[in-house]
Structures are given as structure tokens and as C-alpha cells.
């Protein structure tokens, strides 16, 4: 059975690019357009990994991770931030929220797949 990854980004083209990269490597992908939309998809389905942007409308990526980690079913789901944010402050906020890896856009598909393969449950 393939592993399922939740991809969260407010940019449709970025979601499409990340999803295509992951699907080509055999993963099942569920997409969300922001943190609020993503929370609605944490409905008991098993996600093996979450890939999220930081800067999004309605709910940013770090707030999403904080909320997701409060849910028992997703407390231990690994999260990769895929973002244009590279500041140490943002990374520290992400780490405190439970983010396991940080990839700065633009990304190279092999780099993303390498991080995914190391963290996917």
C-alpha cells in the first residue's frame, strides 16, 4: 500500500509541482490550499507525512503544525516545511512546533524526495 502525504500550499502551481514529484515516486497525495483547509482534511485518515508552506492566508504553516500536533492521530506525523522562508527565527518557530525538516524554495525534486524518504512513516 502506498504512503499518503498531505501537501499544503496556497500556490496551486507549487502544489501541483510538489504533488507531481511525490506521485512520480509512488506516493499518494492529498492537497490542501492553506492550514485551515488542511486541518479539515485531518479527519482520521492516515498520513505518513505532511509537506507544508509557511506563508499562507487563513492559517499559516506553523499555526497549522501547532494545531495538528494537538490531535492524537497526528501528534507523531512528521512535517517538512517547504517555503521561501529561510530565517533562523522562522526555523526555530517551526522546530518548536514540531517541524522535522526545512527545505527552502525553489527546491530540487531529488532533494525533496530524499527528505521525504528519510521521514515518511
PDB file of N, CA and C in Angstrom:
ATOM      1  N   UNK A   1       0.849  -1.184   0.000  1.00  0.00           N
ATOM      2  CA  UNK A   1       0.000   0.000   0.000  1.00  0.00           C
ATOM      3  C   UNK A   1       0.888   1.240   0.000  1.00  0.00           C
ATOM      4  N   UNK A   2       0.548   2.206  -0.852  1.00  0.00           N
ATOM      5  CA  UNK A   2       1.419   3.376  -0.948  1.00  0.00           C
ATOM      6  C   UNK A   2       1.233   4.304   0.247  1.00  0.00           C
ATOM      7  N   UNK A   3       2.241   5.071   0.525  1.00  0.00           N
ATOM      8  CA  UNK A   3       2.232   6.026   1.625  1.00  0.00           C
ATOM      9  C   UNK A   3       1.485   7.283   1.176  1.00  0.00           C
ATOM     10  N   UNK A   4       0.744   7.894   2.106  1.00  0.00           N
ATOM     11  CA  UNK A   4      -0.048   9.084   1.784  1.00  0.00           C
ATOM     12  C   UNK A   4       0.585  10.328   2.400  1.00  0.00           C
ATOM     13  N   UNK A   5       0.726  11.352   1.575  1.00  0.00           N
ATOM     14  CA  UNK A   5       1.350  12.608   2.005  1.00  0.00           C
ATOM     15  C   UNK A   5       0.364  13.753   1.789  1.00  0.00           C
ATOM     16  N   UNK A   6       0.203  14.587   2.806  1.00  0.00           N
ATOM     17  CA  UNK A   6      -0.635  15.783   2.719  1.00  0.00           C
ATOM     18  C   UNK A   6       0.258  16.943   2.311  1.00  0.00           C
ATOM     19  N   UNK A   7      -0.086  17.604   1.193  1.00  0.00           N
ATOM     20  CA  UNK A   7       0.686  18.734   0.671  1.00  0.00           C
ATOM     21  C   UNK A   7      -0.146  20.002   0.847  1.00  0.00           C
ATOM     22  N   UNK A   8       0.426  20.993   1.543  1.00  0.00           N
ATOM     23  CA  UNK A   8      -0.300  22.229   1.846  1.00  0.00           C
ATOM     24  C   UNK A   8       0.474  23.413   1.281  1.00  0.00           C
ATOM     25  N   UNK A   9      -0.149  24.139   0.354  1.00  0.00           N
ATOM     26  CA  UNK A   9       0.465  25.346  -0.206  1.00  0.00           C
ATOM     27  C   UNK A   9      -0.634  26.183  -0.833  1.00  0.00           C
ATOM     28  N   UNK A  10      -0.576  27.499  -0.644  1.00  0.00           N
ATOM     29  CA  UNK A  10      -1.604  28.363  -1.218  1.00  0.00           C
ATOM     30  C   UNK A  10      -1.399  28.589  -2.712  1.00  0.00           C
ATOM     31  N   UNK A  11      -0.244  28.230  -3.232  1.00  0.00           N
ATOM     32  CA  UNK A  11       0.031  28.354  -4.660  1.00  0.00           C
ATOM     33  C   UNK A  11      -0.351  27.049  -5.371  1.00  0.00           C
ATOM     34  N   UNK A  12      -1.338  27.134  -6.267  1.00  0.00           N
ATOM     35  CA  UNK A  12      -1.791  25.938  -6.986  1.00  0.00           C
ATOM     36  C   UNK A  12      -0.651  25.335  -7.811  1.00  0.00           C
ATOM     37  N   UNK A  13       0.181  26.184  -8.426  1.00  0.00           N
ATOM     38  CA  UNK A  13       1.272  25.656  -9.254  1.00  0.00           C
ATOM     39  C   UNK A  13       2.318  24.952  -8.382  1.00  0.00           C
ATOM     40  N   UNK A  14       2.573  25.473  -7.189  1.00  0.00           N
ATOM     41  CA  UNK A  14       3.532  24.815  -6.289  1.00  0.00           C
ATOM     42  C   UNK A  14       2.960  23.484  -5.799  1.00  0.00           C
ATOM     43  N   UNK A  15       1.677  23.469  -5.429  1.00  0.00           N
ATOM     44  CA  UNK A  15       1.042  22.204  -5.015  1.00  0.00           C
ATOM     45  C   UNK A  15       1.152  21.179  -6.124  1.00  0.00           C
ATOM     46  N   UNK A  16       0.901  21.629  -7.347  1.00  0.00           N
ATOM     47  CA  UNK A  16       0.941  20.727  -8.494  1.00  0.00           C
ATOM     48  C   UNK A  16       2.353  20.161  -8.696  1.00  0.00           C
ATOM     49  N   UNK A  17       3.354  21.020  -8.566  1.00  0.00           N
ATOM     50  CA  UNK A  17       4.734  20.581  -8.777  1.00  0.00           C
ATOM     51  C   UNK A  17       5.165  19.587  -7.689  1.00  0.00           C
ATOM     52  N   UNK A  18       4.841  19.902  -6.434  1.00  0.00           N
ATOM     53  CA  UNK A  18       5.194  19.004  -5.329  1.00  0.00           C
ATOM     54  C   UNK A  18       4.444  17.680  -5.472  1.00  0.00           C
ATOM     55  N   UNK A  19       3.147  17.772  -5.786  1.00  0.00           N
ATOM     56  CA  UNK A  19       2.334  16.557  -5.933  1.00  0.00           C
ATOM     57  C   UNK A  19       2.849  15.672  -7.055  1.00  0.00           C
ATOM     58  N   UNK A  20       3.193  16.281  -8.177  1.00  0.00           N
ATOM     59  CA  UNK A  20       3.723  15.530  -9.320  1.00  0.00           C
ATOM     60  C   UNK A  20       5.022  14.825  -8.937  1.00  0.00           C
ATOM     61  N   UNK A  21       5.903  15.533  -8.240  1.00  0.00           N
ATOM     62  CA  UNK A  21       7.168  14.951  -7.783  1.00  0.00           C
ATOM     63  C   UNK A  21       6.908  13.736  -6.900  1.00  0.00           C
ATOM     64  N   UNK A  22       5.982  13.888  -5.941  1.00  0.00           N
ATOM     65  CA  UNK A  22       5.702  12.801  -4.994  1.00  0.00           C
ATOM     66  C   UNK A  22       4.976  11.637  -5.670  1.00  0.00           C
ATOM     67  N   UNK A  23       4.007  11.948  -6.527  1.00  0.00           N
ATOM     68  CA  UNK A  23       3.266  10.867  -7.217  1.00  0.00           C
ATOM     69  C   UNK A  23       4.186  10.073  -8.130  1.00  0.00           C
ATOM     70  N   UNK A  24       5.133  10.770  -8.772  1.00  0.00           N
ATOM     71  CA  UNK A  24       6.055  10.060  -9.679  1.00  0.00           C
ATOM     72  C   UNK A  24       6.950   9.097  -8.902  1.00  0.00           C
ATOM     73  N   UNK A  25       7.086   9.328  -7.586  1.00  0.00           N
ATOM     74  CA  UNK A  25       7.879   8.430  -6.747  1.00  0.00           C
ATOM     75  C   UNK A  25       7.000   7.377  -6.064  1.00  0.00           C
ATOM     76  N   UNK A  26       5.708   7.349  -6.427  1.00  0.00           N
ATOM     77  CA  UNK A  26       4.830   6.295  -5.934  1.00  0.00           C
ATOM     78  C   UNK A  26       3.989   6.638  -4.709  1.00  0.00           C
ATOM     79  N   UNK A  27       4.039   7.899  -4.270  1.00  0.00           N
ATOM     80  CA  UNK A  27       3.241   8.295  -3.106  1.00  0.00           C
ATOM     81  C   UNK A  27       1.827   8.705  -3.519  1.00  0.00           C
ATOM     82  N   UNK A  28       0.882   8.528  -2.608  1.00  0.00           N
ATOM     83  CA  UNK A  28      -0.476   9.049  -2.783  1.00  0.00           C
ATOM     84  C   UNK A  28      -0.470  10.441  -2.175  1.00  0.00           C
ATOM     85  N   UNK A  29      -1.089  11.416  -2.848  1.00  0.00           N
ATOM     86  CA  UNK A  29      -1.046  12.803  -2.375  1.00  0.00           C
ATOM     87  C   UNK A  29      -2.458  13.355  -2.167  1.00  0.00           C
ATOM     88  N   UNK A  30      -2.639  14.033  -1.042  1.00  0.00           N
ATOM     89  CA  UNK A  30      -3.854  14.797  -0.770  1.00  0.00           C
ATOM     90  C   UNK A  30      -3.408  16.251  -0.684  1.00  0.00           C
ATOM     91  N   UNK A  31      -4.126  17.153  -1.368  1.00  0.00           N
ATOM     92  CA  UNK A  31      -3.723  18.555  -1.407  1.00  0.00           C
ATOM     93  C   UNK A  31      -4.656  19.431  -0.576  1.00  0.00           C
ATOM     94  N   UNK A  32      -4.078  20.490   0.021  1.00  0.00           N
ATOM     95  CA  UNK A  32      -4.841  21.491   0.753  1.00  0.00           C
ATOM     96  C   UNK A  32      -4.281  22.863   0.392  1.00  0.00           C
ATOM     97  N   UNK A  33      -5.157  23.885   0.355  1.00  0.00           N
ATOM     98  CA  UNK A  33      -4.712  25.199  -0.103  1.00  0.00           C
ATOM     99  C   UNK A  33      -4.240  26.130   1.003  1.00  0.00           C
ATOM    100  N   UNK A  34      -4.471  25.783   2.255  1.00  0.00           N
ATOM    101  CA  UNK A  34      -3.933  26.549   3.384  1.00  0.00           C
ATOM    102  C   UNK A  34      -4.103  25.713   4.653  1.00  0.00           C
ATOM    103  N   UNK A  35      -3.626  26.240   5.772  1.00  0.00           N
ATOM    104  CA  UNK A  35      -3.675  25.489   7.021  1.00  0.00           C
ATOM    105  C   UNK A  35      -5.077  25.112   7.457  1.00  0.00           C
ATOM    106  N   UNK A  36      -6.020  26.030   7.244  1.00  0.00           N
ATOM    107  CA  UNK A  36      -7.404  25.774   7.648  1.00  0.00           C
ATOM    108  C   UNK A  36      -7.997  24.623   6.828  1.00  0.00           C
ATOM    109  N   UNK A  37      -7.768  24.665   5.516  1.00  0.00           N
ATOM    110  CA  UNK A  37      -8.227  23.602   4.617  1.00  0.00           C
ATOM    111  C   UNK A  37      -7.565  22.275   5.019  1.00  0.00           C
ATOM    112  N   UNK A  38      -6.272  22.330   5.345  1.00  0.00           N
ATOM    113  CA  UNK A  38      -5.544  21.116   5.733  1.00  0.00           C
ATOM    114  C   UNK A  38      -6.097  20.524   7.026  1.00  0.00           C
ATOM    115  N   UNK A  39      -6.429  21.376   7.993  1.00  0.00           N
ATOM    116  CA  UNK A  39      -6.990  20.865   9.254  1.00  0.00           C
ATOM    117  C   UNK A  39      -8.276  20.095   8.996  1.00  0.00           C
ATOM    118  N   UNK A  40      -9.077  20.579   8.037  1.00  0.00           N
ATOM    119  CA  UNK A  40     -10.341  19.893   7.722  1.00  0.00           C
ATOM    120  C   UNK A  40     -10.081  18.511   7.119  1.00  0.00           C
ATOM    121  N   UNK A  41      -8.875  18.302   6.587  1.00  0.00           N
ATOM    122  CA  UNK A  41      -8.532  17.004   5.987  1.00  0.00           C
ATOM    123  C   UNK A  41      -7.883  16.065   7.002  1.00  0.00           C
ATOM    124  N   UNK A  42      -7.652  16.546   8.213  1.00  0.00           N
ATOM    125  CA  UNK A  42      -7.149  15.684   9.290  1.00  0.00           C
ATOM    126  C   UNK A  42      -8.370  15.065   9.962  1.00  0.00           C
ATOM    127  N   UNK A  43      -9.003  14.160   9.222  1.00  0.00           N
ATOM    128  CA  UNK A  43     -10.309  13.616   9.610  1.00  0.00           C
ATOM    129  C   UNK A  43     -10.230  12.139   9.974  1.00  0.00           C
ATOM    130  N   UNK A  44      -9.049  11.721  10.413  1.00  0.00           N
ATOM    131  CA  UNK A  44      -8.876  10.321  10.778  1.00  0.00           C
ATOM    132  C   UNK A  44      -8.114   9.523   9.742  1.00  0.00           C
ATOM    133  N   UNK A  45      -7.974  10.094   8.528  1.00  0.00           N
ATOM    134  CA  UNK A  45      -7.168   9.428   7.505  1.00  0.00           C
ATOM    135  C   UNK A  45      -5.727   9.346   7.976  1.00  0.00           C
ATOM    136  N   UNK A  46      -5.045   8.294   7.561  1.00  0.00           N
ATOM    137  CA  UNK A  46      -3.636   8.125   7.921  1.00  0.00           C
ATOM    138  C   UNK A  46      -2.774   8.878   6.922  1.00  0.00           C
ATOM    139  N   UNK A  47      -1.998   9.821   7.433  1.00  0.00           N
ATOM    140  CA  UNK A  47      -0.994  10.494   6.614  1.00  0.00           C
ATOM    141  C   UNK A  47       0.361  10.050   7.124  1.00  0.00           C
ATOM    142  N   UNK A  48       1.233   9.675   6.208  1.00  0.00           N
ATOM    143  CA  UNK A  48       2.562   9.222   6.580  1.00  0.00           C
ATOM    144  C   UNK A  48       3.535  10.390   6.698  1.00  0.00           C
ATOM    145  N   UNK A  49       3.130  11.547   6.128  1.00  0.00           N
ATOM    146  CA  UNK A  49       3.981  12.731   6.140  1.00  0.00           C
ATOM    147  C   UNK A  49       3.140  13.930   5.727  1.00  0.00           C
ATOM    148  N   UNK A  50       3.536  15.117   6.192  1.00  0.00           N
ATOM    149  CA  UNK A  50       2.906  16.368   5.771  1.00  0.00           C
ATOM    150  C   UNK A  50       4.001  17.275   5.227  1.00  0.00           C
ATOM    151  N   UNK A  51       3.744  17.881   4.057  1.00  0.00           N
ATOM    152  CA  UNK A  51       4.648  18.876   3.475  1.00  0.00           C
ATOM    153  C   UNK A  51       3.858  20.174   3.422  1.00  0.00           C
ATOM    154  N   UNK A  52       4.360  21.217   4.098  1.00  0.00           N
ATOM    155  CA  UNK A  52       3.594  22.457   4.197  1.00  0.00           C
ATOM    156  C   UNK A  52       4.438  23.687   3.896  1.00  0.00           C
ATOM    157  N   UNK A  53       3.784  24.680   3.309  1.00  0.00           N
ATOM    158  CA  UNK A  53       4.349  26.012   3.141  1.00  0.00           C
ATOM    159  C   UNK A  53       4.217  26.723   4.489  1.00  0.00           C
ATOM    160  N   UNK A  54       4.922  27.829   4.674  1.00  0.00           N
ATOM    161  CA  UNK A  54       4.781  28.619   5.902  1.00  0.00           C
ATOM    162  C   UNK A  54       3.788  29.754   5.689  1.00  0.00           C
ATOM    163  N   UNK A  55       4.045  30.599   4.699  1.00  0.00           N
ATOM    164  CA  UNK A  55       3.219  31.792   4.495  1.00  0.00           C
ATOM    165  C   UNK A  55       1.996  31.486   3.639  1.00  0.00           C
ATOM    166  N   UNK A  56       0.820  31.455   4.299  1.00  0.00           N
ATOM    167  CA  UNK A  56      -0.443  31.187   3.601  1.00  0.00           C
ATOM    168  C   UNK A  56      -1.546  32.003   4.255  1.00  0.00           C
ATOM    169  N   UNK A  57      -2.603  32.324   3.486  1.00  0.00           N
ATOM    170  CA  UNK A  57      -3.743  33.025   4.087  1.00  0.00           C
ATOM    171  C   UNK A  57      -4.539  32.085   4.993  1.00  0.00           C
ATOM    172  N   UNK A  58      -5.417  32.621   5.781  1.00  0.00           N
ATOM    173  CA  UNK A  58      -6.325  31.892   6.687  1.00  0.00           C
ATOM    174  C   UNK A  58      -5.608  31.245   7.866  1.00  0.00           C
ATOM    175  N   UNK A  59      -4.597  30.424   7.602  1.00  0.00           N
ATOM    176  CA  UNK A  59      -3.792  29.835   8.675  1.00  0.00           C
ATOM    177  C   UNK A  59      -2.428  29.496   8.106  1.00  0.00           C
ATOM    178  N   UNK A  60      -1.372  30.047   8.702  1.00  0.00           N
ATOM    179  CA  UNK A  60      -0.018  29.784   8.200  1.00  0.00           C
ATOM    180  C   UNK A  60       0.438  28.380   8.596  1.00  0.00           C
ATOM    181  N   UNK A  61       1.555  27.968   8.019  1.00  0.00           N
ATOM    182  CA  UNK A  61       2.042  26.607   8.221  1.00  0.00           C
ATOM    183  C   UNK A  61       2.422  26.281   9.651  1.00  0.00           C
ATOM    184  N   UNK A  62       3.029  27.230  10.347  1.00  0.00           N
ATOM    185  CA  UNK A  62       3.449  26.954  11.725  1.00  0.00           C
ATOM    186  C   UNK A  62       2.232  26.817  12.632  1.00  0.00           C
ATOM    187  N   UNK A  63       1.234  27.683  12.462  1.00  0.00           N
ATOM    188  CA  UNK A  63      -0.011  27.552  13.244  1.00  0.00           C
ATOM    189  C   UNK A  63      -0.693  26.224  12.938  1.00  0.00           C
ATOM    190  N   UNK A  64      -0.670  25.822  11.661  1.00  0.00           N
ATOM    191  CA  UNK A  64      -1.256  24.534  11.287  1.00  0.00           C
ATOM    192  C   UNK A  64      -0.564  23.388  12.034  1.00  0.00           C
ATOM    193  N   UNK A  65       0.773  23.400  12.042  1.00  0.00           N
ATOM    194  CA  UNK A  65       1.514  22.324  12.710  1.00  0.00           C
ATOM    195  C   UNK A  65       1.171  22.295  14.198  1.00  0.00           C
ATOM    196  N   UNK A  66       1.090  23.468  14.824  1.00  0.00           N
ATOM    197  CA  UNK A  66       0.740  23.531  16.245  1.00  0.00           C
ATOM    198  C   UNK A  66      -0.626  22.892  16.496  1.00  0.00           C
ATOM    199  N   UNK A  67      -1.589  23.191  15.620  1.00  0.00           N
ATOM    200  CA  UNK A  67      -2.938  22.621  15.773  1.00  0.00           C
ATOM    201  C   UNK A  67      -2.956  21.122  15.477  1.00  0.00           C
ATOM    202  N   UNK A  68      -2.258  20.712  14.417  1.00  0.00           N
ATOM    203  CA  UNK A  68      -2.231  19.299  14.032  1.00  0.00           C
ATOM    204  C   UNK A  68      -1.616  18.440  15.130  1.00  0.00           C
ATOM    205  N   UNK A  69      -0.573  18.945  15.789  1.00  0.00           N
ATOM    206  CA  UNK A  69       0.121  18.178  16.827  1.00  0.00           C
ATOM    207  C   UNK A  69      -0.743  17.998  18.081  1.00  0.00           C
ATOM    208  N   UNK A  70      -1.816  18.793  18.194  1.00  0.00           N
ATOM    209  CA  UNK A  70      -2.741  18.636  19.326  1.00  0.00           C
ATOM    210  C   UNK A  70      -3.688  17.452  19.122  1.00  0.00           C
ATOM    211  N   UNK A  71      -3.791  16.983  17.884  1.00  0.00           N
ATOM    212  CA  UNK A  71      -4.692  15.875  17.560  1.00  0.00           C
ATOM    213  C   UNK A  71      -3.951  14.549  17.755  1.00  0.00           C
ATOM    214  N   UNK A  72      -4.472  13.664  18.614  1.00  0.00           N
ATOM    215  CA  UNK A  72      -3.756  12.411  18.914  1.00  0.00           C
ATOM    216  C   UNK A  72      -3.352  11.612  17.677  1.00  0.00           C
ATOM    217  N   UNK A  73      -4.198  11.566  16.656  1.00  0.00           N
ATOM    218  CA  UNK A  73      -3.903  10.756  15.465  1.00  0.00           C
ATOM    219  C   UNK A  73      -2.742  11.330  14.645  1.00  0.00           C
ATOM    220  N   UNK A  74      -2.422  12.614  14.848  1.00  0.00           N
ATOM    221  CA  UNK A  74      -1.399  13.268  14.021  1.00  0.00           C
ATOM    222  C   UNK A  74      -0.232  13.807  14.834  1.00  0.00           C
ATOM    223  N   UNK A  75      -0.234  13.504  16.120  1.00  0.00           N
ATOM    224  CA  UNK A  75       0.795  14.012  17.021  1.00  0.00           C
ATOM    225  C   UNK A  75       2.203  13.646  16.562  1.00  0.00           C
ATOM    226  N   UNK A  76       2.352  12.447  16.001  1.00  0.00           N
ATOM    227  CA  UNK A  76       3.687  11.977  15.616  1.00  0.00           C
ATOM    228  C   UNK A  76       3.914  11.979  14.103  1.00  0.00           C
ATOM    229  N   UNK A  77       2.974  12.549  13.335  1.00  0.00           N
ATOM    230  CA  UNK A  77       3.145  12.622  11.882  1.00  0.00           C
ATOM    231  C   UNK A  77       4.265  13.610  11.561  1.00  0.00           C
ATOM    232  N   UNK A  78       5.309  13.180  10.849  1.00  0.00           N
ATOM    233  CA  UNK A  78       6.415  14.098  10.543  1.00  0.00           C
ATOM    234  C   UNK A  78       5.981  15.197   9.566  1.00  0.00           C
ATOM    235  N   UNK A  79       6.571  16.377   9.739  1.00  0.00           N
ATOM    236  CA  UNK A  79       6.248  17.531   8.903  1.00  0.00           C
ATOM    237  C   UNK A  79       7.524  18.097   8.295  1.00  0.00           C
ATOM    238  N   UNK A  80       7.461  18.364   6.977  1.00  0.00           N
ATOM    239  CA  UNK A  80       8.532  19.074   6.268  1.00  0.00           C
ATOM    240  C   UNK A  80       7.973  20.432   5.863  1.00  0.00           C
ATOM    241  N   UNK A  81       8.699  21.491   6.167  1.00  0.00           N
ATOM    242  CA  UNK A  81       8.317  22.813   5.677  1.00  0.00           C
ATOM    243  C   UNK A  81       9.037  23.043   4.353  1.00  0.00           C
ATOM    244  N   UNK A  82       8.270  23.418   3.349  1.00  0.00           N
ATOM    245  CA  UNK A  82       8.801  23.726   2.020  1.00  0.00           C
ATOM    246  C   UNK A  82       8.395  25.169   1.754  1.00  0.00           C
ATOM    247  N   UNK A  83       9.338  26.099   1.891  1.00  0.00           N
ATOM    248  CA  UNK A  83       8.978  27.508   1.957  1.00  0.00           C
ATOM    249  C   UNK A  83      10.077  28.421   1.426  1.00  0.00           C
ATOM    250  N   UNK A  84       9.719  29.664   1.166  1.00  0.00           N
ATOM    251  CA  UNK A  84      10.716  30.670   0.786  1.00  0.00           C
ATOM    252  C   UNK A  84      11.387  31.244   2.032  1.00  0.00           C
ATOM    253  N   UNK A  85      10.818  30.966   3.207  1.00  0.00           N
ATOM    254  CA  UNK A  85      11.356  31.472   4.480  1.00  0.00           C
ATOM    255  C   UNK A  85      12.635  30.726   4.846  1.00  0.00           C
ATOM    256  N   UNK A  86      13.704  31.464   5.090  1.00  0.00           N
ATOM    257  CA  UNK A  86      14.940  30.811   5.472  1.00  0.00           C
ATOM    258  C   UNK A  86      15.523  31.349   6.766  1.00  0.00           C
ATOM    259  N   UNK A  87      14.797  32.247   7.439  1.00  0.00           N
ATOM    260  CA  UNK A  87      15.355  32.877   8.638  1.00  0.00           C
ATOM    261  C   UNK A  87      15.454  31.883   9.796  1.00  0.00           C
ATOM    262  N   UNK A  88      16.474  32.078  10.612  1.00  0.00           N
ATOM    263  CA  UNK A  88      16.678  31.207  11.774  1.00  0.00           C
ATOM    264  C   UNK A  88      15.502  31.298  12.732  1.00  0.00           C
ATOM    265  N   UNK A  89      14.910  32.503  12.829  1.00  0.00           N
ATOM    266  CA  UNK A  89      13.771  32.709  13.725  1.00  0.00           C
ATOM    267  C   UNK A  89      12.589  31.832  13.299  1.00  0.00           C
ATOM    268  N   UNK A  90      12.275  31.852  12.002  1.00  0.00           N
ATOM    269  CA  UNK A  90      11.160  31.029  11.497  1.00  0.00           C
ATOM    270  C   UNK A  90      11.455  29.547  11.685  1.00  0.00           C
ATOM    271  N   UNK A  91      12.705  29.153  11.410  1.00  0.00           N
ATOM    272  CA  UNK A  91      13.079  27.746  11.577  1.00  0.00           C
ATOM    273  C   UNK A  91      12.926  27.322  13.037  1.00  0.00           C
ATOM    274  N   UNK A  92      13.314  28.218  13.955  1.00  0.00           N
ATOM    275  CA  UNK A  92      13.188  27.917  15.387  1.00  0.00           C
ATOM    276  C   UNK A  92      11.715  27.778  15.774  1.00  0.00           C
ATOM    277  N   UNK A  93      10.869  28.651  15.232  1.00  0.00           N
ATOM    278  CA  UNK A  93       9.420  28.544  15.492  1.00  0.00           C
ATOM    279  C   UNK A  93       8.888  27.219  14.966  1.00  0.00           C
ATOM    280  N   UNK A  94       9.335  26.849  13.771  1.00  0.00           N
ATOM    281  CA  UNK A  94       8.908  25.584  13.173  1.00  0.00           C
ATOM    282  C   UNK A  94       9.352  24.390  14.003  1.00  0.00           C
ATOM    283  N   UNK A  95      10.598  24.416  14.420  1.00  0.00           N
ATOM    284  CA  UNK A  95      11.137  23.311  15.222  1.00  0.00           C
ATOM    285  C   UNK A  95      10.365  23.183  16.542  1.00  0.00           C
ATOM    286  N   UNK A  96      10.078  24.329  17.162  1.00  0.00           N
ATOM    287  CA  UNK A  96       9.325  24.326  18.422  1.00  0.00           C
ATOM    288  C   UNK A  96       7.924  23.747  18.219  1.00  0.00           C
ATOM    289  N   UNK A  97       7.354  23.974  17.029  1.00  0.00           N
ATOM    290  CA  UNK A  97       6.009  23.467  16.733  1.00  0.00           C
ATOM    291  C   UNK A  97       6.022  21.974  16.401  1.00  0.00           C
ATOM    292  N   UNK A  98       7.202  21.444  16.030  1.00  0.00           N
ATOM    293  CA  UNK A  98       7.290  20.020  15.716  1.00  0.00           C
ATOM    294  C   UNK A  98       7.721  19.703  14.301  1.00  0.00           C
ATOM    295  N   UNK A  99       8.201  20.716  13.568  1.00  0.00           N
ATOM    296  CA  UNK A  99       8.662  20.504  12.193  1.00  0.00           C
ATOM    297  C   UNK A  99       9.969  19.709  12.220  1.00  0.00           C
ATOM    298  N   UNK A 100      10.068  18.693  11.348  1.00  0.00           N
ATOM    299  CA  UNK A 100      11.244  17.806  11.351  1.00  0.00           C
ATOM    300  C   UNK A 100      12.292  18.193  10.305  1.00  0.00           C
ATOM    301  N   UNK A 101      11.873  18.883   9.230  1.00  0.00           N
ATOM    302  CA  UNK A 101      12.831  19.273   8.180  1.00  0.00           C
ATOM    303  C   UNK A 101      12.375  20.575   7.545  1.00  0.00           C
ATOM    304  N   UNK A 102      13.318  21.303   6.975  1.00  0.00           N
ATOM    305  CA  UNK A 102      13.048  22.620   6.405  1.00  0.00           C
ATOM    306  C   UNK A 102      13.730  22.690   5.047  1.00  0.00           C
ATOM    307  N   UNK A 103      12.961  22.861   3.980  1.00  0.00           N
ATOM    308  CA  UNK A 103      13.510  22.964   2.625  1.00  0.00           C
ATOM    309  C   UNK A 103      13.110  24.325   2.068  1.00  0.00           C
ATOM    310  N   UNK A 104      14.104  25.067   1.557  1.00  0.00           N
ATOM    311  CA  UNK A 104      13.831  26.405   1.027  1.00  0.00           C
ATOM    312  C   UNK A 104      13.564  26.310  -0.477  1.00  0.00           C
ATOM    313  N   UNK A 105      12.476  26.991  -0.909  1.00  0.00           N
ATOM    314  CA  UNK A 105      12.141  27.059  -2.340  1.00  0.00           C
ATOM    315  C   UNK A 105      13.093  28.051  -3.003  1.00  0.00           C
ATOM    316  N   UNK A 106      13.369  27.904  -4.289  1.00  0.00           N
ATOM    317  CA  UNK A 106      12.935  26.785  -5.125  1.00  0.00           C
ATOM    318  C   UNK A 106      13.680  25.515  -4.737  1.00  0.00           C
ATOM    319  N   UNK A 107      12.978  24.394  -4.875  1.00  0.00           N
ATOM    320  CA  UNK A 107      13.567  23.124  -4.453  1.00  0.00           C
ATOM    321  C   UNK A 107      13.893  22.258  -5.656  1.00  0.00           C
ATOM    322  N   UNK A 108      14.810  21.345  -5.463  1.00  0.00           N
ATOM    323  CA  UNK A 108      15.136  20.347  -6.481  1.00  0.00           C
ATOM    324  C   UNK A 108      14.367  19.074  -6.119  1.00  0.00           C
ATOM    325  N   UNK A 109      13.589  18.495  -7.041  1.00  0.00           N
ATOM    326  CA  UNK A 109      12.829  17.284  -6.720  1.00  0.00           C
ATOM    327  C   UNK A 109      13.636  16.191  -6.015  1.00  0.00           C
ATOM    328  N   UNK A 110      14.888  15.888  -6.438  1.00  0.00           N
ATOM    329  CA  UNK A 110      15.626  14.836  -5.718  1.00  0.00           C
ATOM    330  C   UNK A 110      15.854  15.184  -4.236  1.00  0.00           C
ATOM    331  N   UNK A 111      16.059  16.477  -3.940  1.00  0.00           N
ATOM    332  CA  UNK A 111      16.266  16.898  -2.557  1.00  0.00           C
ATOM    333  C   UNK A 111      14.994  16.671  -1.737  1.00  0.00           C
ATOM    334  N   UNK A 112      13.847  17.008  -2.325  1.00  0.00           N
ATOM    335  CA  UNK A 112      12.575  16.788  -1.638  1.00  0.00           C
ATOM    336  C   UNK A 112      12.351  15.297  -1.408  1.00  0.00           C
ATOM    337  N   UNK A 113      12.548  14.495  -2.439  1.00  0.00           N
ATOM    338  CA  UNK A 113      12.317  13.043  -2.316  1.00  0.00           C
ATOM    339  C   UNK A 113      13.271  12.408  -1.310  1.00  0.00           C
ATOM    340  N   UNK A 114      14.483  12.921  -1.224  1.00  0.00           N
ATOM    341  CA  UNK A 114      15.448  12.406  -0.249  1.00  0.00           C
ATOM    342  C   UNK A 114      14.943  12.680   1.169  1.00  0.00           C
ATOM    343  N   UNK A 115      14.488  13.916   1.418  1.00  0.00           N
ATOM    344  CA  UNK A 115      13.969  14.266   2.746  1.00  0.00           C
ATOM    345  C   UNK A 115      12.720  13.448   3.063  1.00  0.00           C
ATOM    346  N   UNK A 116      11.844  13.308   2.080  1.00  0.00           N
ATOM    347  CA  UNK A 116      10.612  12.540   2.266  1.00  0.00           C
ATOM    348  C   UNK A 116      10.945  11.090   2.633  1.00  0.00           C
ATOM    349  N   UNK A 117      11.870  10.480   1.896  1.00  0.00           N
ATOM    350  CA  UNK A 117      12.195   9.074   2.137  1.00  0.00           C
ATOM    351  C   UNK A 117      12.768   8.849   3.531  1.00  0.00           C
ATOM    352  N   UNK A 118      13.441   9.870   4.077  1.00  0.00           N
ATOM    353  CA  UNK A 118      14.025   9.751   5.420  1.00  0.00           C
ATOM    354  C   UNK A 118      12.977   9.894   6.514  1.00  0.00           C
ATOM    355  N   UNK A 119      11.901  10.630   6.226  1.00  0.00           N
ATOM    356  CA  UNK A 119      10.937  10.950   7.285  1.00  0.00           C
ATOM    357  C   UNK A 119       9.603  10.220   7.189  1.00  0.00           C
ATOM    358  N   UNK A 120       9.244   9.732   6.011  1.00  0.00           N
ATOM    359  CA  UNK A 120       7.927   9.127   5.831  1.00  0.00           C
ATOM    360  C   UNK A 120       7.773   7.926   6.747  1.00  0.00           C
ATOM    361  N   UNK A 121       6.638   7.850   7.422  1.00  0.00           N
ATOM    362  CA  UNK A 121       6.382   6.755   8.375  1.00  0.00           C
ATOM    363  C   UNK A 121       5.830   5.534   7.656  1.00  0.00           C
TER     364      UNK A 121
END
